[in-house]
């Protein structure tokens, strides 16, 4: 069995305890597929529950929750980055998390490696409008810029009918194509993370 672990960020705009999150539902699909690859999802962090101060450093001072979140994120081999689509883009909370990861570019080791080097990132994207490709393009560019490794077929997404009222969490079953894609995302992510854990980038 694999000794790989994953952590998920849910960048929904909703805090915990309110309405159910479609982003959580998509993360759950990937969690199931990762379990089949022997990868344990340690935790899903609902970013809206935390006070991530604006900025591009790893610690923006008093009351900033990011330093602890950063520590948790970097303790795992695979990052599931989950975001809803708003106005055709990732959520504002997702963007803030990426902005905080920008600090990685200045936190390199003696070989020039960022703290996220040799760790894998995949995406869970949901929405009721076009934009999944736009979100994955900008998300993966930002993650790659900040040291994460993106595998082949790294995004699992679902978008409903334009201006429709059905959310992913409301579906009676996961669509076959979404389930198949999630399985490929999980398989590729686990394979790549395993290789990188055994043989990290030399820098």
N, C-alpha and C. Protein backbone atom coordinates (compact mmCIF):
# COMPACT_ATOMS: atom_id res chain seq x y z
N UNK A 1 0.83 -1.20 0.00
CA UNK A 1 0.00 0.00 0.00
C UNK A 1 0.87 1.26 0.00
N UNK A 2 0.33 2.30 -0.58
CA UNK A 2 1.04 3.57 -0.65
C UNK A 2 1.06 4.25 0.72
N UNK A 3 2.12 5.00 0.99
CA UNK A 3 2.17 5.79 2.22
C UNK A 3 1.95 7.27 1.92
N UNK A 4 1.36 7.54 0.76
CA UNK A 4 1.12 8.91 0.35
C UNK A 4 -0.10 9.49 1.06
N UNK A 5 -0.04 10.78 1.34
CA UNK A 5 -1.18 11.48 1.93
C UNK A 5 -1.53 12.70 1.10
N UNK A 6 -2.79 13.10 1.18
CA UNK A 6 -3.27 14.27 0.46
C UNK A 6 -3.97 15.21 1.42
N UNK A 7 -4.08 16.46 1.02
CA UNK A 7 -4.86 17.45 1.76
C UNK A 7 -5.64 18.25 0.73
N UNK A 8 -6.83 18.68 1.09
CA UNK A 8 -7.67 19.43 0.15
C UNK A 8 -7.96 20.83 0.67
N UNK A 9 -7.96 21.77 -0.24
CA UNK A 9 -8.41 23.14 0.05
C UNK A 9 -9.74 23.34 -0.65
N UNK A 10 -10.75 23.74 0.10
CA UNK A 10 -12.04 24.07 -0.49
C UNK A 10 -12.19 25.59 -0.46
N UNK A 11 -12.17 26.19 -1.64
CA UNK A 11 -12.21 27.65 -1.75
C UNK A 11 -13.62 28.16 -2.03
N UNK A 12 -14.64 27.41 -1.58
CA UNK A 12 -16.00 27.93 -1.66
C UNK A 12 -16.10 29.24 -0.87
N UNK A 13 -17.06 30.06 -1.22
CA UNK A 13 -17.27 31.30 -0.49
C UNK A 13 -18.07 31.08 0.79
N UNK A 14 -18.58 29.85 0.97
CA UNK A 14 -19.42 29.55 2.14
C UNK A 14 -18.59 29.04 3.31
N UNK A 15 -18.92 29.52 4.52
CA UNK A 15 -18.30 28.97 5.71
C UNK A 15 -18.94 27.64 6.06
N UNK A 16 -18.27 26.86 6.87
CA UNK A 16 -18.82 25.59 7.32
C UNK A 16 -20.08 25.83 8.15
N UNK A 17 -20.97 24.83 8.15
CA UNK A 17 -22.17 24.93 8.96
C UNK A 17 -23.37 25.49 8.24
N UNK A 18 -23.16 25.97 7.03
CA UNK A 18 -24.27 26.51 6.25
C UNK A 18 -24.73 25.52 5.21
N UNK A 19 -25.02 26.02 4.00
CA UNK A 19 -25.43 25.14 2.91
C UNK A 19 -24.30 24.19 2.53
N UNK A 20 -24.67 23.04 1.99
CA UNK A 20 -23.67 22.10 1.50
C UNK A 20 -22.90 22.71 0.34
N UNK A 21 -21.69 22.26 0.18
CA UNK A 21 -20.80 22.80 -0.85
C UNK A 21 -20.62 21.81 -1.99
N UNK A 22 -20.88 22.24 -3.21
CA UNK A 22 -20.62 21.40 -4.37
C UNK A 22 -19.13 21.12 -4.52
N UNK A 23 -18.30 22.07 -4.09
CA UNK A 23 -16.86 21.86 -4.15
C UNK A 23 -16.46 20.70 -3.24
N UNK A 24 -17.07 20.63 -2.06
CA UNK A 24 -16.83 19.50 -1.16
C UNK A 24 -17.24 18.19 -1.83
N UNK A 25 -18.36 18.23 -2.55
CA UNK A 25 -18.86 17.03 -3.22
C UNK A 25 -17.87 16.55 -4.27
N UNK A 26 -17.26 17.47 -5.01
CA UNK A 26 -16.28 17.08 -6.02
C UNK A 26 -14.99 16.59 -5.36
N UNK A 27 -14.59 17.23 -4.27
CA UNK A 27 -13.41 16.76 -3.53
C UNK A 27 -13.64 15.34 -3.04
N UNK A 28 -14.88 15.05 -2.61
CA UNK A 28 -15.21 13.71 -2.13
C UNK A 28 -15.07 12.66 -3.24
N UNK A 29 -15.40 13.04 -4.48
CA UNK A 29 -15.23 12.13 -5.61
C UNK A 29 -13.76 11.79 -5.78
N UNK A 30 -12.90 12.80 -5.72
CA UNK A 30 -11.47 12.55 -5.85
C UNK A 30 -10.92 11.78 -4.65
N UNK A 31 -11.46 12.06 -3.46
CA UNK A 31 -11.01 11.33 -2.27
C UNK A 31 -11.26 9.83 -2.44
N UNK A 32 -12.43 9.48 -2.93
CA UNK A 32 -12.77 8.06 -3.13
C UNK A 32 -11.79 7.40 -4.11
N UNK A 33 -11.50 8.11 -5.20
CA UNK A 33 -10.60 7.54 -6.21
C UNK A 33 -9.16 7.46 -5.70
N UNK A 34 -8.75 8.45 -4.90
CA UNK A 34 -7.40 8.42 -4.33
C UNK A 34 -7.25 7.27 -3.33
N UNK A 35 -8.31 7.00 -2.57
CA UNK A 35 -8.28 5.88 -1.62
C UNK A 35 -7.99 4.57 -2.34
N UNK A 36 -8.55 4.41 -3.54
CA UNK A 36 -8.31 3.21 -4.32
C UNK A 36 -6.84 3.09 -4.73
N UNK A 37 -6.15 4.22 -4.76
CA UNK A 37 -4.72 4.24 -5.09
C UNK A 37 -3.86 4.16 -3.83
N UNK A 38 -4.51 3.98 -2.67
CA UNK A 38 -3.78 3.89 -1.42
C UNK A 38 -3.40 5.22 -0.83
N UNK A 39 -4.00 6.30 -1.31
CA UNK A 39 -3.69 7.64 -0.82
C UNK A 39 -4.78 8.08 0.16
N UNK A 40 -4.36 8.50 1.35
CA UNK A 40 -5.31 8.93 2.37
C UNK A 40 -5.46 10.45 2.34
N UNK A 41 -6.71 10.93 2.30
CA UNK A 41 -6.98 12.36 2.42
C UNK A 41 -7.04 12.69 3.90
N UNK A 42 -6.06 13.44 4.37
CA UNK A 42 -5.94 13.73 5.80
C UNK A 42 -6.99 14.74 6.27
N UNK A 43 -7.29 15.71 5.41
CA UNK A 43 -8.16 16.81 5.86
C UNK A 43 -8.62 17.62 4.66
N UNK A 44 -9.82 18.18 4.76
CA UNK A 44 -10.27 19.20 3.82
C UNK A 44 -10.40 20.51 4.59
N UNK A 45 -9.66 21.51 4.16
CA UNK A 45 -9.67 22.80 4.82
C UNK A 45 -10.65 23.72 4.10
N UNK A 46 -11.66 24.19 4.81
CA UNK A 46 -12.60 25.17 4.26
C UNK A 46 -11.98 26.55 4.48
N UNK A 47 -11.43 27.11 3.42
CA UNK A 47 -10.66 28.35 3.56
C UNK A 47 -11.49 29.52 4.09
N UNK A 48 -12.79 29.52 3.80
CA UNK A 48 -13.64 30.62 4.27
C UNK A 48 -13.76 30.66 5.79
N UNK A 49 -13.42 29.56 6.45
CA UNK A 49 -13.47 29.51 7.91
C UNK A 49 -12.26 30.19 8.55
N UNK A 50 -11.28 30.56 7.75
CA UNK A 50 -10.02 31.07 8.28
C UNK A 50 -9.76 32.51 7.82
N UNK A 51 -8.98 33.20 8.61
CA UNK A 51 -8.61 34.58 8.29
C UNK A 51 -7.26 34.58 7.58
N UNK A 52 -7.30 34.48 6.26
CA UNK A 52 -6.08 34.59 5.47
C UNK A 52 -5.89 36.06 5.12
N UNK A 53 -4.95 36.69 5.74
CA UNK A 53 -4.71 38.10 5.47
C UNK A 53 -4.24 38.29 4.02
N UNK A 54 -4.57 39.43 3.41
CA UNK A 54 -4.05 39.69 2.06
C UNK A 54 -2.54 39.91 2.12
N UNK A 55 -1.85 39.48 1.07
CA UNK A 55 -0.41 39.68 1.02
C UNK A 55 0.27 38.57 0.25
N UNK A 56 1.59 38.67 0.15
CA UNK A 56 2.37 37.68 -0.60
C UNK A 56 3.54 37.15 0.22
N UNK A 57 3.41 37.20 1.55
CA UNK A 57 4.42 36.60 2.41
C UNK A 57 3.79 35.41 3.13
N UNK A 58 4.62 34.62 3.81
CA UNK A 58 4.10 33.45 4.51
C UNK A 58 3.55 33.79 5.89
N UNK A 59 3.73 35.02 6.33
CA UNK A 59 3.17 35.44 7.62
C UNK A 59 2.90 36.94 7.55
N UNK A 60 1.62 37.28 7.54
CA UNK A 60 1.23 38.69 7.45
C UNK A 60 0.88 39.30 8.82
N UNK A 61 1.39 38.67 9.88
CA UNK A 61 1.28 39.28 11.19
C UNK A 61 0.12 38.80 12.04
N UNK A 62 -0.19 39.54 13.06
CA UNK A 62 -1.18 39.18 14.07
C UNK A 62 -2.53 38.82 13.44
N UNK A 63 -3.06 37.69 13.87
CA UNK A 63 -4.37 37.26 13.41
C UNK A 63 -4.38 36.53 12.08
N UNK A 64 -3.21 36.34 11.48
CA UNK A 64 -3.13 35.67 10.18
C UNK A 64 -3.14 34.16 10.36
N UNK A 65 -4.11 33.49 9.77
CA UNK A 65 -4.21 32.04 9.88
C UNK A 65 -3.35 31.30 8.86
N UNK A 66 -2.81 32.02 7.88
CA UNK A 66 -2.09 31.34 6.82
C UNK A 66 -0.87 30.55 7.28
N UNK A 67 -0.05 31.04 8.23
CA UNK A 67 1.13 30.25 8.61
C UNK A 67 0.79 28.82 9.03
N UNK A 68 -0.28 28.64 9.78
CA UNK A 68 -0.67 27.29 10.20
C UNK A 68 -1.22 26.49 9.02
N UNK A 69 -2.00 27.15 8.14
CA UNK A 69 -2.52 26.48 6.96
C UNK A 69 -1.36 26.05 6.05
N UNK A 70 -0.40 26.92 5.88
CA UNK A 70 0.77 26.62 5.06
C UNK A 70 1.49 25.38 5.57
N UNK A 71 1.67 25.31 6.88
CA UNK A 71 2.34 24.17 7.50
C UNK A 71 1.60 22.87 7.20
N UNK A 72 0.27 22.91 7.32
CA UNK A 72 -0.54 21.72 7.04
C UNK A 72 -0.44 21.30 5.58
N UNK A 73 -0.56 22.28 4.68
CA UNK A 73 -0.53 21.99 3.25
C UNK A 73 0.77 21.31 2.84
N UNK A 74 1.89 21.83 3.33
CA UNK A 74 3.20 21.32 2.92
C UNK A 74 3.57 20.01 3.60
N UNK A 75 2.75 19.55 4.55
CA UNK A 75 3.03 18.29 5.24
C UNK A 75 2.56 17.07 4.44
N UNK A 76 1.93 17.30 3.27
CA UNK A 76 1.35 16.21 2.50
C UNK A 76 1.95 16.14 1.09
N UNK A 77 1.72 15.01 0.44
CA UNK A 77 2.32 14.76 -0.87
C UNK A 77 1.48 15.29 -2.03
N UNK A 78 0.17 15.33 -1.84
CA UNK A 78 -0.75 15.75 -2.91
C UNK A 78 -1.68 16.83 -2.39
N UNK A 79 -1.84 17.88 -3.16
CA UNK A 79 -2.78 18.95 -2.85
C UNK A 79 -3.96 18.87 -3.81
N UNK A 80 -5.16 18.75 -3.26
CA UNK A 80 -6.38 18.89 -4.06
C UNK A 80 -6.84 20.34 -3.88
N UNK A 81 -6.80 21.09 -4.94
CA UNK A 81 -7.21 22.50 -4.88
C UNK A 81 -8.63 22.59 -5.45
N UNK A 82 -9.60 22.79 -4.57
CA UNK A 82 -11.00 22.85 -4.99
C UNK A 82 -11.54 24.26 -5.04
N UNK A 83 -12.22 24.58 -6.12
CA UNK A 83 -12.81 25.92 -6.24
C UNK A 83 -14.09 25.89 -7.07
N UNK A 84 -15.05 26.71 -6.67
CA UNK A 84 -16.21 26.91 -7.53
C UNK A 84 -15.86 27.92 -8.63
N UNK A 85 -16.71 27.99 -9.63
CA UNK A 85 -16.55 28.99 -10.69
C UNK A 85 -17.49 30.16 -10.38
N UNK A 86 -16.94 31.35 -10.31
CA UNK A 86 -17.74 32.56 -10.15
C UNK A 86 -17.36 33.55 -11.24
N UNK A 87 -18.33 34.01 -12.00
CA UNK A 87 -18.08 34.96 -13.08
C UNK A 87 -17.04 34.42 -14.05
N UNK A 88 -17.06 33.09 -14.27
CA UNK A 88 -16.14 32.46 -15.20
C UNK A 88 -14.73 32.29 -14.67
N UNK A 89 -14.50 32.57 -13.37
CA UNK A 89 -13.17 32.50 -12.79
C UNK A 89 -13.20 31.70 -11.50
N UNK A 90 -12.03 31.36 -10.98
CA UNK A 90 -11.95 30.75 -9.66
C UNK A 90 -12.43 31.76 -8.62
N UNK A 91 -12.74 31.28 -7.42
CA UNK A 91 -13.24 32.17 -6.38
C UNK A 91 -12.16 33.13 -5.89
N UNK A 92 -12.59 34.21 -5.29
CA UNK A 92 -11.65 35.19 -4.73
C UNK A 92 -10.81 34.57 -3.62
N UNK A 93 -11.39 33.64 -2.87
CA UNK A 93 -10.66 32.97 -1.80
C UNK A 93 -9.56 32.09 -2.39
N UNK A 94 -9.86 31.43 -3.50
CA UNK A 94 -8.84 30.62 -4.17
C UNK A 94 -7.67 31.50 -4.60
N UNK A 95 -7.98 32.66 -5.15
CA UNK A 95 -6.93 33.57 -5.60
C UNK A 95 -6.06 34.03 -4.43
N UNK A 96 -6.71 34.27 -3.28
CA UNK A 96 -5.94 34.72 -2.12
C UNK A 96 -4.96 33.63 -1.67
N UNK A 97 -5.41 32.37 -1.67
CA UNK A 97 -4.52 31.28 -1.27
C UNK A 97 -3.32 31.20 -2.21
N UNK A 98 -3.56 31.37 -3.50
CA UNK A 98 -2.47 31.33 -4.46
C UNK A 98 -1.52 32.52 -4.26
N UNK A 99 -2.08 33.68 -3.94
CA UNK A 99 -1.24 34.85 -3.67
C UNK A 99 -0.33 34.62 -2.47
N UNK A 100 -0.84 33.93 -1.47
CA UNK A 100 -0.02 33.64 -0.30
C UNK A 100 1.08 32.63 -0.63
N UNK A 101 0.78 31.72 -1.56
CA UNK A 101 1.80 30.75 -1.99
C UNK A 101 2.92 31.41 -2.79
N UNK A 102 2.69 32.61 -3.26
CA UNK A 102 3.73 33.32 -4.01
C UNK A 102 5.00 33.46 -3.19
N UNK A 103 4.86 33.44 -1.86
CA UNK A 103 6.04 33.55 -0.99
C UNK A 103 7.01 32.40 -1.21
N UNK A 104 6.51 31.26 -1.71
CA UNK A 104 7.38 30.09 -1.94
C UNK A 104 8.55 30.44 -2.86
N UNK A 105 8.32 31.37 -3.78
CA UNK A 105 9.37 31.69 -4.77
C UNK A 105 10.61 32.28 -4.10
N UNK A 106 10.45 32.83 -2.91
CA UNK A 106 11.59 33.41 -2.19
C UNK A 106 12.03 32.57 -1.00
N UNK A 107 11.48 31.36 -0.89
CA UNK A 107 11.79 30.49 0.25
C UNK A 107 12.49 29.21 -0.21
N UNK A 108 13.43 29.36 -1.10
CA UNK A 108 14.09 28.20 -1.70
C UNK A 108 15.21 27.67 -0.80
N UNK A 109 15.53 26.38 -0.97
CA UNK A 109 16.63 25.79 -0.22
C UNK A 109 17.95 26.02 -0.94
N UNK A 110 19.00 25.36 -0.46
CA UNK A 110 20.34 25.60 -1.02
C UNK A 110 20.45 25.16 -2.48
N UNK A 111 19.48 24.34 -2.95
CA UNK A 111 19.47 23.91 -4.34
C UNK A 111 18.44 24.65 -5.18
N UNK A 112 17.89 25.72 -4.63
CA UNK A 112 16.94 26.54 -5.38
C UNK A 112 15.53 25.98 -5.44
N UNK A 113 15.22 25.00 -4.58
CA UNK A 113 13.92 24.35 -4.60
C UNK A 113 12.94 25.03 -3.64
N UNK A 114 11.76 25.34 -4.13
CA UNK A 114 10.70 25.89 -3.29
C UNK A 114 10.18 24.80 -2.36
N UNK A 115 9.52 25.17 -1.24
CA UNK A 115 9.02 24.15 -0.30
C UNK A 115 7.97 23.22 -0.90
N UNK A 116 7.36 23.61 -1.99
CA UNK A 116 6.35 22.80 -2.67
C UNK A 116 6.95 21.86 -3.72
N UNK A 117 8.25 21.95 -3.94
CA UNK A 117 8.89 21.08 -4.93
C UNK A 117 8.67 19.61 -4.58
N UNK A 118 8.50 18.80 -5.61
CA UNK A 118 8.28 17.35 -5.49
C UNK A 118 6.93 17.01 -4.87
N UNK A 119 6.03 17.97 -4.80
CA UNK A 119 4.66 17.73 -4.37
C UNK A 119 3.72 17.97 -5.55
N UNK A 120 2.64 17.21 -5.57
CA UNK A 120 1.73 17.18 -6.72
C UNK A 120 0.45 17.95 -6.40
N UNK A 121 -0.07 18.67 -7.39
CA UNK A 121 -1.32 19.41 -7.22
C UNK A 121 -2.32 19.03 -8.30
N UNK A 122 -3.57 18.81 -7.88
CA UNK A 122 -4.67 18.54 -8.81
C UNK A 122 -5.84 19.44 -8.45
N UNK A 123 -6.84 19.49 -9.33
CA UNK A 123 -7.93 20.44 -9.13
C UNK A 123 -9.29 19.78 -9.11
N UNK A 124 -10.18 20.33 -8.28
CA UNK A 124 -11.60 19.95 -8.23
C UNK A 124 -12.40 21.22 -8.49
N UNK A 125 -13.09 21.28 -9.63
CA UNK A 125 -13.74 22.52 -10.07
C UNK A 125 -15.22 22.26 -10.35
N UNK A 126 -16.08 23.13 -9.84
CA UNK A 126 -17.52 22.99 -10.09
C UNK A 126 -18.14 24.35 -10.37
N UNK A 127 -19.23 24.34 -11.14
CA UNK A 127 -19.94 25.58 -11.41
C UNK A 127 -21.11 25.38 -12.34
N UNK A 128 -21.95 26.39 -12.45
CA UNK A 128 -23.11 26.33 -13.32
C UNK A 128 -22.96 27.26 -14.51
N UNK A 129 -21.74 27.47 -14.92
CA UNK A 129 -21.49 28.33 -16.07
C UNK A 129 -20.20 27.89 -16.72
N UNK A 130 -19.95 28.36 -17.91
CA UNK A 130 -18.70 28.05 -18.59
C UNK A 130 -17.55 28.62 -17.78
N UNK A 131 -16.39 28.04 -17.89
CA UNK A 131 -15.24 28.59 -17.20
C UNK A 131 -14.29 27.57 -16.63
N UNK A 132 -14.62 26.29 -16.69
CA UNK A 132 -13.75 25.27 -16.09
C UNK A 132 -12.36 25.27 -16.73
N UNK A 133 -12.31 25.42 -18.05
CA UNK A 133 -11.01 25.43 -18.73
C UNK A 133 -10.23 26.69 -18.37
N UNK A 134 -10.93 27.80 -18.28
CA UNK A 134 -10.28 29.06 -17.90
C UNK A 134 -9.71 28.96 -16.49
N UNK A 135 -10.49 28.39 -15.58
CA UNK A 135 -10.05 28.26 -14.19
C UNK A 135 -8.85 27.31 -14.09
N UNK A 136 -8.93 26.15 -14.74
CA UNK A 136 -7.82 25.20 -14.64
C UNK A 136 -6.55 25.79 -15.27
N UNK A 137 -6.69 26.55 -16.34
CA UNK A 137 -5.52 27.15 -16.98
C UNK A 137 -4.82 28.12 -16.04
N UNK A 138 -5.57 29.03 -15.44
CA UNK A 138 -4.96 30.02 -14.56
C UNK A 138 -4.51 29.39 -13.24
N UNK A 139 -5.28 28.41 -12.75
CA UNK A 139 -4.92 27.75 -11.49
C UNK A 139 -3.63 26.95 -11.64
N UNK A 140 -3.53 26.16 -12.70
CA UNK A 140 -2.34 25.34 -12.88
C UNK A 140 -1.10 26.18 -13.18
N UNK A 141 -1.27 27.28 -13.87
CA UNK A 141 -0.12 28.16 -14.10
C UNK A 141 0.39 28.72 -12.78
N UNK A 142 -0.54 29.16 -11.92
CA UNK A 142 -0.15 29.71 -10.62
C UNK A 142 0.49 28.64 -9.74
N UNK A 143 -0.08 27.44 -9.74
CA UNK A 143 0.49 26.36 -8.93
C UNK A 143 1.88 25.97 -9.43
N UNK A 144 2.05 25.92 -10.75
CA UNK A 144 3.35 25.58 -11.30
C UNK A 144 4.37 26.67 -11.00
N UNK A 145 3.95 27.93 -11.07
CA UNK A 145 4.83 29.05 -10.75
C UNK A 145 5.33 28.97 -9.31
N UNK A 146 4.51 28.40 -8.43
CA UNK A 146 4.86 28.34 -7.01
C UNK A 146 5.40 26.95 -6.61
N UNK A 147 5.86 26.18 -7.60
CA UNK A 147 6.64 24.98 -7.32
C UNK A 147 5.93 23.65 -7.34
N UNK A 148 4.59 23.65 -7.52
CA UNK A 148 3.86 22.39 -7.52
C UNK A 148 4.02 21.69 -8.86
N UNK A 149 3.93 20.37 -8.84
CA UNK A 149 3.99 19.58 -10.06
C UNK A 149 2.58 19.16 -10.45
N UNK A 150 2.23 19.41 -11.70
CA UNK A 150 0.89 19.11 -12.21
C UNK A 150 0.96 17.89 -13.12
N UNK A 151 0.27 16.81 -12.78
CA UNK A 151 0.31 15.61 -13.62
C UNK A 151 -0.53 15.74 -14.88
N UNK A 152 -0.41 14.76 -15.77
CA UNK A 152 -1.31 14.69 -16.92
C UNK A 152 -2.72 14.43 -16.40
N UNK A 153 -3.72 15.04 -17.05
CA UNK A 153 -5.12 14.93 -16.62
C UNK A 153 -5.21 15.24 -15.13
N UNK A 154 -5.10 16.52 -14.79
CA UNK A 154 -5.01 16.93 -13.38
C UNK A 154 -6.25 17.61 -12.86
N UNK A 155 -7.26 17.81 -13.70
CA UNK A 155 -8.47 18.51 -13.26
C UNK A 155 -9.70 17.64 -13.43
N UNK A 156 -10.52 17.60 -12.39
CA UNK A 156 -11.82 16.95 -12.48
C UNK A 156 -12.86 18.05 -12.29
N UNK A 157 -13.74 18.24 -13.27
CA UNK A 157 -14.70 19.33 -13.14
C UNK A 157 -16.07 18.93 -13.63
N UNK A 158 -17.05 19.71 -13.21
CA UNK A 158 -18.43 19.56 -13.68
C UNK A 158 -19.03 20.95 -13.81
N UNK A 159 -19.65 21.21 -14.93
CA UNK A 159 -20.38 22.47 -15.10
C UNK A 159 -21.79 22.15 -15.56
N UNK A 160 -22.75 22.80 -14.95
CA UNK A 160 -24.14 22.58 -15.31
C UNK A 160 -24.59 23.48 -16.45
N UNK A 161 -25.87 23.43 -16.72
CA UNK A 161 -26.45 24.24 -17.78
C UNK A 161 -26.28 25.72 -17.47
N UNK A 162 -25.93 26.51 -18.47
CA UNK A 162 -25.78 27.94 -18.28
C UNK A 162 -27.05 28.53 -17.70
N UNK A 163 -26.91 29.33 -16.65
CA UNK A 163 -28.01 29.97 -15.95
C UNK A 163 -29.01 28.95 -15.38
N UNK A 164 -28.52 27.73 -15.16
CA UNK A 164 -29.37 26.68 -14.59
C UNK A 164 -29.43 26.76 -13.08
N UNK A 165 -30.24 25.89 -12.49
CA UNK A 165 -30.44 25.93 -11.03
C UNK A 165 -29.94 24.66 -10.33
N UNK A 166 -29.40 23.71 -11.10
CA UNK A 166 -28.92 22.47 -10.51
C UNK A 166 -27.42 22.57 -10.21
N UNK A 167 -27.04 22.28 -8.96
CA UNK A 167 -25.65 22.27 -8.55
C UNK A 167 -25.14 20.83 -8.52
N UNK A 168 -23.83 20.68 -8.53
CA UNK A 168 -23.23 19.36 -8.51
C UNK A 168 -23.69 18.55 -7.31
N UNK A 169 -23.81 19.20 -6.16
CA UNK A 169 -24.22 18.51 -4.94
C UNK A 169 -25.65 17.99 -5.01
N UNK A 170 -26.44 18.51 -5.96
CA UNK A 170 -27.84 18.12 -6.10
C UNK A 170 -28.04 16.90 -7.00
N UNK A 171 -26.99 16.47 -7.69
CA UNK A 171 -27.12 15.35 -8.62
C UNK A 171 -27.37 14.06 -7.85
N UNK A 172 -28.20 13.18 -8.40
CA UNK A 172 -28.50 11.90 -7.73
C UNK A 172 -27.33 10.93 -7.81
N UNK A 173 -26.48 11.08 -8.83
CA UNK A 173 -25.27 10.27 -8.95
C UNK A 173 -24.21 11.07 -9.71
N UNK A 174 -22.98 10.68 -9.48
CA UNK A 174 -21.87 11.33 -10.19
C UNK A 174 -21.92 10.90 -11.65
N UNK A 175 -21.91 11.85 -12.59
CA UNK A 175 -21.93 11.47 -14.01
C UNK A 175 -20.76 10.54 -14.35
N UNK A 176 -21.02 9.59 -15.25
CA UNK A 176 -20.00 8.59 -15.59
C UNK A 176 -18.69 9.23 -16.04
N UNK A 177 -18.79 10.25 -16.88
CA UNK A 177 -17.58 10.88 -17.41
C UNK A 177 -16.79 11.56 -16.30
N UNK A 178 -17.49 12.16 -15.36
CA UNK A 178 -16.82 12.80 -14.23
C UNK A 178 -16.12 11.76 -13.37
N UNK A 179 -16.79 10.65 -13.13
CA UNK A 179 -16.19 9.57 -12.33
C UNK A 179 -14.97 8.98 -13.02
N UNK A 180 -15.05 8.80 -14.34
CA UNK A 180 -13.92 8.26 -15.09
C UNK A 180 -12.73 9.22 -15.05
N UNK A 181 -13.03 10.51 -15.20
CA UNK A 181 -11.96 11.51 -15.15
C UNK A 181 -11.32 11.54 -13.77
N UNK A 182 -12.14 11.48 -12.72
CA UNK A 182 -11.62 11.50 -11.35
C UNK A 182 -10.69 10.32 -11.11
N UNK A 183 -11.05 9.17 -11.67
CA UNK A 183 -10.21 7.98 -11.51
C UNK A 183 -8.85 8.17 -12.17
N UNK A 184 -8.84 8.80 -13.35
CA UNK A 184 -7.58 9.05 -14.04
C UNK A 184 -6.75 10.10 -13.31
N UNK A 185 -7.41 11.16 -12.82
CA UNK A 185 -6.71 12.19 -12.04
C UNK A 185 -6.04 11.56 -10.83
N UNK A 186 -6.79 10.73 -10.10
CA UNK A 186 -6.26 10.11 -8.89
C UNK A 186 -5.10 9.17 -9.20
N UNK A 187 -5.25 8.36 -10.25
CA UNK A 187 -4.21 7.41 -10.63
C UNK A 187 -2.92 8.12 -11.02
N UNK A 188 -3.05 9.15 -11.84
CA UNK A 188 -1.87 9.88 -12.30
C UNK A 188 -1.20 10.63 -11.15
N UNK A 189 -2.02 11.24 -10.29
CA UNK A 189 -1.48 12.00 -9.16
C UNK A 189 -0.74 11.09 -8.19
N UNK A 190 -1.33 9.93 -7.87
CA UNK A 190 -0.69 9.00 -6.94
C UNK A 190 0.62 8.46 -7.53
N UNK A 191 0.58 8.12 -8.82
CA UNK A 191 1.79 7.59 -9.48
C UNK A 191 2.91 8.62 -9.45
N UNK A 192 2.59 9.85 -9.83
CA UNK A 192 3.61 10.89 -9.90
C UNK A 192 4.12 11.26 -8.51
N UNK A 193 3.20 11.37 -7.54
CA UNK A 193 3.62 11.71 -6.18
C UNK A 193 4.53 10.63 -5.60
N UNK A 194 4.23 9.36 -5.92
CA UNK A 194 5.07 8.27 -5.45
C UNK A 194 6.48 8.35 -6.02
N UNK A 195 6.57 8.65 -7.31
CA UNK A 195 7.88 8.79 -7.95
C UNK A 195 8.68 9.93 -7.35
N UNK A 196 8.01 11.06 -7.14
CA UNK A 196 8.70 12.24 -6.62
C UNK A 196 9.09 12.07 -5.16
N UNK A 197 8.28 11.31 -4.42
CA UNK A 197 8.65 11.08 -3.01
C UNK A 197 9.90 10.23 -2.91
N UNK A 198 10.03 9.25 -3.79
CA UNK A 198 11.22 8.38 -3.80
C UNK A 198 12.42 9.10 -4.40
N UNK A 199 12.17 9.97 -5.38
CA UNK A 199 13.27 10.65 -6.06
C UNK A 199 12.90 12.11 -6.30
N UNK A 200 13.09 12.97 -5.29
CA UNK A 200 12.73 14.39 -5.42
C UNK A 200 13.55 15.09 -6.50
N UNK A 201 13.03 16.23 -6.94
CA UNK A 201 13.79 17.05 -7.90
C UNK A 201 15.15 17.41 -7.31
N UNK A 202 16.21 17.33 -8.11
CA UNK A 202 17.55 17.64 -7.58
C UNK A 202 17.78 19.14 -7.38
N UNK A 203 17.03 19.96 -8.12
CA UNK A 203 17.24 21.38 -7.99
C UNK A 203 18.48 21.83 -8.75
